[in-house]
Amino acid sequence: MSTNAIRQGAAGAWVPDDKSFGARLALVRQHMGWNAKEAALACGLPAQSWRNWEAGGRCRDQEAAARQISARVGCDYLWLFTGEIIPTQVETPASVSDTQSLTAHTGEHMYT
């Protein structure tokens, strides 16, 4: 992983840094188990560009590159492009009191 993709955590421990496009690329590449040349080839991009971006170089069309890479590797496009993570809404099961109320009202159990 590029040294740009590591930052100092609590008590001196390292944590991955995903604040830059290049750092996120390094994380994607490492997750896939590829070197920079393999990552670029798998994503249909020039290896020199991939290496340059990881090293902090500017990507002329970061949006298009992020779309292409995320489509090839299955990572979240928005995270790769911007670093943002949008939490998904998780449905929670009915609470116990809701279940008891439903059972009392209908005479049926929700989970039968």
C-alpha atoms as a PDB file:
ATOM      1  CA  MET A   1       0.000   0.000   0.000  1.00  0.00           C
ATOM      2  CA  SER A   2       1.221   3.472  -0.755  1.00  0.00           C
ATOM      3  CA  THR A   3       2.471   5.465   2.224  1.00  0.00           C
ATOM      4  CA  ASN A   4      -0.153   8.069   1.263  1.00  0.00           C
ATOM      5  CA  ALA A   5      -2.816   5.519   2.266  1.00  0.00           C
ATOM      6  CA  ILE A   6      -1.703   5.223   5.904  1.00  0.00           C
ATOM      7  CA  ARG A   7      -2.262   7.668   8.751  1.00  0.00           C
ATOM      8  CA  GLN A   8      -1.571   7.683  12.468  1.00  0.00           C
ATOM      9  CA  GLY A   9      -4.319   6.274  14.671  1.00  0.00           C
ATOM     10  CA  ALA A  10      -4.805   6.093  18.422  1.00  0.00           C
ATOM     11  CA  ALA A  11      -1.758   5.144  20.481  1.00  0.00           C
ATOM     12  CA  GLY A  12       0.480   5.346  17.414  1.00  0.00           C
ATOM     13  CA  ALA A  13      -1.235   2.504  15.535  1.00  0.00           C
ATOM     14  CA  TRP A  14      -1.663   2.922  11.787  1.00  0.00           C
ATOM     15  CA  VAL A  15      -5.049   3.036  10.082  1.00  0.00           C
ATOM     16  CA  PRO A  16      -5.851   3.181   6.378  1.00  0.00           C
ATOM     17  CA  ASP A  17      -6.370   6.702   5.095  1.00  0.00           C
ATOM     18  CA  ASP A  18      -9.074   7.135   2.489  1.00  0.00           C
ATOM     19  CA  LYS A  19      -9.072  10.925   2.307  1.00  0.00           C
ATOM     20  CA  SER A  20      -7.646  11.122  -1.216  1.00  0.00           C
ATOM     21  CA  PHE A  21      -8.576   9.431  -4.479  1.00  0.00           C
ATOM     22  CA  GLY A  22      -5.106   7.886  -4.653  1.00  0.00           C
ATOM     23  CA  ALA A  23      -5.380   6.450  -1.153  1.00  0.00           C
ATOM     24  CA  ARG A  24      -8.774   4.934  -1.984  1.00  0.00           C
ATOM     25  CA  LEU A  25      -7.284   3.409  -5.152  1.00  0.00           C
ATOM     26  CA  ALA A  26      -4.525   1.829  -3.078  1.00  0.00           C
ATOM     27  CA  LEU A  27      -7.146   0.371  -0.722  1.00  0.00           C
ATOM     28  CA  VAL A  28      -9.150  -1.032  -3.634  1.00  0.00           C
ATOM     29  CA  ARG A  29      -6.035  -2.508  -5.207  1.00  0.00           C
ATOM     30  CA  GLN A  30      -4.912  -4.104  -1.966  1.00  0.00           C
ATOM     31  CA  HIS A  31      -8.388  -5.494  -1.312  1.00  0.00           C
ATOM     32  CA  MET A  32      -8.331  -7.159  -4.735  1.00  0.00           C
ATOM     33  CA  GLY A  33      -4.822  -8.521  -4.129  1.00  0.00           C
ATOM     34  CA  TRP A  34      -3.357  -6.748  -7.171  1.00  0.00           C
ATOM     35  CA  ASN A  35      -0.255  -4.730  -7.880  1.00  0.00           C
ATOM     36  CA  ALA A  36      -0.734  -1.399  -9.685  1.00  0.00           C
ATOM     37  CA  LYS A  37      -0.215  -2.900 -13.138  1.00  0.00           C
ATOM     38  CA  GLU A  38      -2.748  -5.689 -12.494  1.00  0.00           C
ATOM     39  CA  ALA A  39      -5.293  -3.216 -11.098  1.00  0.00           C
ATOM     40  CA  ALA A  40      -4.955  -0.897 -14.081  1.00  0.00           C
ATOM     41  CA  LEU A  41      -5.204  -3.773 -16.547  1.00  0.00           C
ATOM     42  CA  ALA A  42      -8.283  -5.242 -14.806  1.00  0.00           C
ATOM     43  CA  CYS A  43      -9.965  -1.831 -14.843  1.00  0.00           C
ATOM     44  CA  GLY A  44      -9.004  -0.929 -18.403  1.00  0.00           C
ATOM     45  CA  LEU A  45      -6.738   1.963 -17.435  1.00  0.00           C
ATOM     46  CA  PRO A  46      -3.079   2.799 -18.152  1.00  0.00           C
ATOM     47  CA  ALA A  47      -0.767   1.416 -15.446  1.00  0.00           C
ATOM     48  CA  GLN A  48       1.236   4.651 -15.364  1.00  0.00           C
ATOM     49  CA  SER A  49      -1.946   6.636 -14.662  1.00  0.00           C
ATOM     50  CA  TRP A  50      -2.913   4.299 -11.804  1.00  0.00           C
ATOM     51  CA  ARG A  51       0.549   4.605 -10.261  1.00  0.00           C
ATOM     52  CA  ASN A  52       0.479   8.380 -10.679  1.00  0.00           C
ATOM     53  CA  TRP A  53      -2.956   8.695  -9.035  1.00  0.00           C
ATOM     54  CA  GLU A  54      -1.906   6.526  -6.089  1.00  0.00           C
ATOM     55  CA  ALA A  55       1.150   8.712  -5.629  1.00  0.00           C
ATOM     56  CA  GLY A  56      -1.081  11.786  -5.367  1.00  0.00           C
ATOM     57  CA  GLY A  57      -1.131  12.873  -9.005  1.00  0.00           C
ATOM     58  CA  ARG A  58      -4.196  14.570 -10.430  1.00  0.00           C
ATOM     59  CA  CYS A  59      -6.722  12.509 -12.369  1.00  0.00           C
ATOM     60  CA  ARG A  60      -8.162  14.572 -15.260  1.00  0.00           C
ATOM     61  CA  ASP A  61     -11.552  12.855 -15.138  1.00  0.00           C
ATOM     62  CA  GLN A  62     -11.799  11.364 -11.668  1.00  0.00           C
ATOM     63  CA  GLU A  63     -15.548  10.833 -11.984  1.00  0.00           C
ATOM     64  CA  ALA A  64     -15.210   8.687 -15.116  1.00  0.00           C
ATOM     65  CA  ALA A  65     -12.257   6.776 -13.656  1.00  0.00           C
ATOM     66  CA  ALA A  66     -14.165   6.101 -10.431  1.00  0.00           C
ATOM     67  CA  ARG A  67     -17.205   4.873 -12.391  1.00  0.00           C
ATOM     68  CA  GLN A  68     -15.078   2.551 -14.494  1.00  0.00           C
ATOM     69  CA  ILE A  69     -13.134   1.168 -11.535  1.00  0.00           C
ATOM     70  CA  SER A  70     -16.194   0.700  -9.307  1.00  0.00           C
ATOM     71  CA  ALA A  71     -18.010  -1.113 -12.147  1.00  0.00           C
ATOM     72  CA  ARG A  72     -15.066  -3.498 -12.576  1.00  0.00           C
ATOM     73  CA  VAL A  73     -14.314  -4.240  -8.918  1.00  0.00           C
ATOM     74  CA  GLY A  74     -17.721  -3.788  -7.272  1.00  0.00           C
ATOM     75  CA  CYS A  75     -16.706  -1.109  -4.778  1.00  0.00           C
ATOM     76  CA  ASP A  76     -19.007   1.772  -3.907  1.00  0.00           C
ATOM     77  CA  TYR A  77     -18.754   4.446  -6.612  1.00  0.00           C
ATOM     78  CA  LEU A  78     -19.568   7.397  -4.343  1.00  0.00           C
ATOM     79  CA  TRP A  79     -16.934   6.345  -1.795  1.00  0.00           C
ATOM     80  CA  LEU A  80     -14.298   5.891  -4.499  1.00  0.00           C
ATOM     81  CA  PHE A  81     -15.122   9.232  -6.144  1.00  0.00           C
ATOM     82  CA  THR A  82     -15.663  11.418  -3.070  1.00  0.00           C
ATOM     83  CA  GLY A  83     -14.683   9.433   0.015  1.00  0.00           C
ATOM     84  CA  GLU A  84     -18.228   9.730   1.358  1.00  0.00           C
ATOM     85  CA  ILE A  85     -20.178   6.786   2.680  1.00  0.00           C
ATOM     86  CA  ILE A  86     -23.953   7.005   2.644  1.00  0.00           C
ATOM     87  CA  PRO A  87     -25.355   4.625   5.241  1.00  0.00           C
ATOM     88  CA  THR A  88     -28.117   2.378   4.014  1.00  0.00           C
ATOM     89  CA  GLN A  89     -31.364   2.386   5.931  1.00  0.00           C
ATOM     90  CA  VAL A  90     -31.838  -0.893   7.720  1.00  0.00           C
ATOM     91  CA  GLU A  91     -35.325  -2.032   8.569  1.00  0.00           C
ATOM     92  CA  THR A  92     -35.652  -3.183  12.128  1.00  0.00           C
ATOM     93  CA  PRO A  93     -38.111  -5.867  13.207  1.00  0.00           C
ATOM     94  CA  ALA A  94     -41.183  -4.795  15.108  1.00  0.00           C
ATOM     95  CA  SER A  95     -40.508  -4.159  18.753  1.00  0.00           C
ATOM     96  CA  VAL A  96     -41.751  -6.594  21.359  1.00  0.00           C
ATOM     97  CA  SER A  97     -44.530  -4.244  22.396  1.00  0.00           C
ATOM     98  CA  ASP A  98     -45.641  -3.906  18.735  1.00  0.00           C
ATOM     99  CA  THR A  99     -45.693  -7.693  18.410  1.00  0.00           C
ATOM    100  CA  GLN A 100     -47.626  -8.121  21.636  1.00  0.00           C
ATOM    101  CA  SER A 101     -50.081  -5.440  20.564  1.00  0.00           C
ATOM    102  CA  LEU A 102     -50.583  -7.101  17.172  1.00  0.00           C
ATOM    103  CA  THR A 103     -51.041 -10.506  18.795  1.00  0.00           C
ATOM    104  CA  ALA A 104     -53.540  -9.132  21.297  1.00  0.00           C
ATOM    105  CA  HIS A 105     -55.438  -7.282  18.591  1.00  0.00           C
ATOM    106  CA  THR A 106     -55.561 -10.027  15.929  1.00  0.00           C
ATOM    107  CA  GLY A 107     -55.066 -13.128  18.016  1.00  0.00           C
ATOM    108  CA  GLU A 108     -52.267 -14.181  15.602  1.00  0.00           C
ATOM    109  CA  HIS A 109     -48.534 -14.376  16.125  1.00  0.00           C
ATOM    110  CA  MET A 110     -46.302 -12.479  13.714  1.00  0.00           C
ATOM    111  CA  TYR A 111     -43.693 -15.236  13.475  1.00  0.00           C
ATOM    112  CA  THR A 112     -45.472 -18.546  13.051  1.00  0.00           C
END
